[in-house]
């Protein structure tokens, strides 16, 4: 027997209902897919999948946006337009050999900055605390 279960978009907080079987255990709703999880559309047979790929505001079969917004602390941008039209992922708990599978960290990493300079830049670079003469700014 299926039941309407409520979730909210992690991007904008828009609340929606998804018709699903009661035996499915939720893992999370995230703005990104979990590594190793297989996702299907909400109108597909997601009972045999690892999760559901949703688009915030999409009125696919079994999915209903209810016109409310969550006030949860983890909503990315609660002041944005809702529904926002961005992707989100409902992930179910997975088991392998009777053990719950935890998601792997994403192997792709973003480099924010390079390693930095390997040493001083030279005469036109920054000067040390003593100024150009090394005397602390005092002249003799």
Protein backbone atom coordinates (compact mmCIF):
# COMPACT_ATOMS: atom_id res chain seq x y z
CA UNK A 1 0.00 0.00 0.00
CA UNK A 2 1.36 3.43 -0.89
CA UNK A 3 1.29 6.54 1.27
CA UNK A 4 1.98 10.23 0.61
CA UNK A 5 5.29 11.11 2.30
CA UNK A 6 6.41 14.75 2.61
CA UNK A 7 9.89 16.05 1.87
CA UNK A 8 11.40 19.45 1.18
CA UNK A 9 13.79 20.73 -1.45
CA UNK A 10 17.26 21.33 0.05
CA UNK A 11 17.77 24.27 -2.34
CA UNK A 12 14.65 26.41 -1.71
CA UNK A 13 12.60 24.59 0.96
CA UNK A 14 9.52 23.90 -1.22
CA UNK A 15 7.54 21.01 0.31
CA UNK A 16 6.26 18.13 -1.81
CA UNK A 17 4.55 14.80 -1.37
CA UNK A 18 5.62 11.58 -3.03
CA UNK A 19 3.38 8.51 -3.16
CA UNK A 20 5.49 5.54 -2.09
CA UNK A 21 5.39 2.21 -0.35
CA UNK A 22 5.63 2.31 3.44
CA UNK A 23 8.38 -0.31 3.68
CA UNK A 24 11.00 1.90 1.97
CA UNK A 25 13.41 3.49 4.45
CA UNK A 26 14.69 6.98 3.68
CA UNK A 27 18.40 7.76 3.84
CA UNK A 28 18.41 11.44 2.85
CA UNK A 29 17.24 14.15 0.49
CA UNK A 30 20.26 15.95 -0.96
CA UNK A 31 21.07 18.48 -3.70
CA UNK A 32 23.47 15.92 -5.24
CA UNK A 33 23.31 12.18 -5.94
CA UNK A 34 25.05 9.84 -3.51
CA UNK A 35 28.04 8.03 -5.02
CA UNK A 36 27.05 4.47 -5.95
CA UNK A 37 23.27 5.00 -5.72
CA UNK A 38 21.07 4.42 -8.79
CA UNK A 39 18.25 6.95 -9.25
CA UNK A 40 15.05 6.79 -11.30
CA UNK A 41 12.30 9.27 -12.16
CA UNK A 42 9.39 9.61 -9.70
CA UNK A 43 6.99 8.01 -12.19
CA UNK A 44 9.26 4.95 -12.62
CA UNK A 45 9.34 1.81 -10.47
CA UNK A 46 11.53 3.31 -7.75
CA UNK A 47 10.76 0.56 -5.23
CA UNK A 48 13.56 -1.45 -6.87
CA UNK A 49 15.93 1.56 -7.19
CA UNK A 50 18.26 3.17 -4.66
CA UNK A 51 16.51 6.51 -4.89
CA UNK A 52 14.48 9.01 -6.87
CA UNK A 53 15.83 11.88 -8.98
CA UNK A 54 13.46 14.82 -8.66
CA UNK A 55 13.21 18.30 -10.13
CA UNK A 56 11.86 20.91 -7.73
CA UNK A 57 8.44 21.89 -9.06
CA UNK A 58 8.08 19.09 -11.61
CA UNK A 59 4.59 17.58 -11.41
CA UNK A 60 5.56 14.01 -12.39
CA UNK A 61 3.17 11.16 -11.55
CA UNK A 62 3.16 10.45 -7.83
CA UNK A 63 4.73 13.84 -7.00
CA UNK A 64 2.71 16.78 -5.70
CA UNK A 65 4.03 20.21 -4.63
CA UNK A 66 1.84 21.40 -1.77
CA UNK A 67 2.54 25.15 -1.82
CA UNK A 68 4.37 25.27 1.52
CA UNK A 69 8.01 25.93 2.41
CA UNK A 70 10.14 24.30 5.07
CA UNK A 71 11.80 26.52 7.65
CA UNK A 72 14.58 23.96 8.25
CA UNK A 73 18.08 25.33 8.98
CA UNK A 74 19.69 23.34 6.16
CA UNK A 75 17.75 24.94 3.27
CA UNK A 76 20.40 26.41 0.96
CA UNK A 77 18.52 29.62 0.02
CA UNK A 78 15.21 30.06 1.86
CA UNK A 79 14.62 33.45 0.19
CA UNK A 80 14.79 32.07 -3.38
CA UNK A 81 11.78 31.42 -5.57
CA UNK A 82 10.01 28.16 -4.70
CA UNK A 83 9.78 25.75 -6.38
CA UNK A 84 13.20 26.49 -7.83
CA UNK A 85 13.42 23.97 -10.73
CA UNK A 86 16.74 22.48 -9.52
CA UNK A 87 17.53 18.77 -9.16
CA UNK A 88 17.37 16.98 -5.81
CA UNK A 89 17.80 13.35 -4.84
CA UNK A 90 15.78 11.19 -2.47
CA UNK A 91 18.00 8.29 -1.41
CA UNK A 92 16.76 5.13 0.26
CA UNK A 93 18.69 3.02 2.76
CA UNK A 94 20.68 0.30 0.96
CA UNK A 95 21.81 -3.04 2.32
CA UNK A 96 24.50 -5.38 1.01
CA UNK A 97 24.86 -8.79 2.70
CA UNK A 98 22.62 -7.60 5.52
CA UNK A 99 24.75 -4.53 6.29
CA UNK A 100 23.64 -0.95 5.68
CA UNK A 101 25.74 0.73 2.99
CA UNK A 102 27.06 4.20 3.79
CA UNK A 103 27.59 6.56 0.85
CA UNK A 104 31.15 6.99 -0.31
CA UNK A 105 32.59 10.48 -0.33
CA UNK A 106 32.68 12.08 -3.75
CA UNK A 107 36.07 11.33 -5.27
CA UNK A 108 36.02 14.51 -7.33
CA UNK A 109 37.52 17.35 -5.39
CA UNK A 110 37.59 21.02 -6.12
CA UNK A 111 40.85 22.92 -5.81
CA UNK A 112 40.13 26.32 -4.35
CA UNK A 113 43.68 27.67 -4.72
CA UNK A 114 47.05 26.39 -5.78
CA UNK A 115 49.70 25.33 -3.30
CA UNK A 116 50.96 28.92 -2.94
CA UNK A 117 54.44 30.34 -3.47
CA UNK A 118 57.41 28.11 -2.76
CA UNK A 119 59.45 31.02 -1.38
CA UNK A 120 59.90 34.79 -1.49
CA UNK A 121 59.10 36.44 -4.80
CA UNK A 122 62.24 38.55 -5.10
CA UNK A 123 62.96 42.29 -5.28
CA UNK A 124 59.53 43.37 -6.52
CA UNK A 125 57.63 41.00 -4.18
CA UNK A 126 56.56 41.57 -0.61
CA UNK A 127 59.20 42.80 1.78
CA UNK A 128 59.89 41.41 5.20
CA UNK A 129 59.11 43.16 8.49
CA UNK A 130 62.29 45.18 8.36
CA UNK A 131 61.41 46.94 5.11
CA UNK A 132 63.72 47.10 2.08
CA UNK A 133 66.86 47.70 4.17
CA UNK A 134 66.05 45.07 6.78
CA UNK A 135 66.45 47.68 9.54
CA UNK A 136 62.86 47.80 10.72
CA UNK A 137 62.12 51.01 8.83
CA UNK A 138 64.70 53.14 10.70
CA UNK A 139 67.39 54.96 8.81
CA UNK A 140 70.88 55.37 10.25
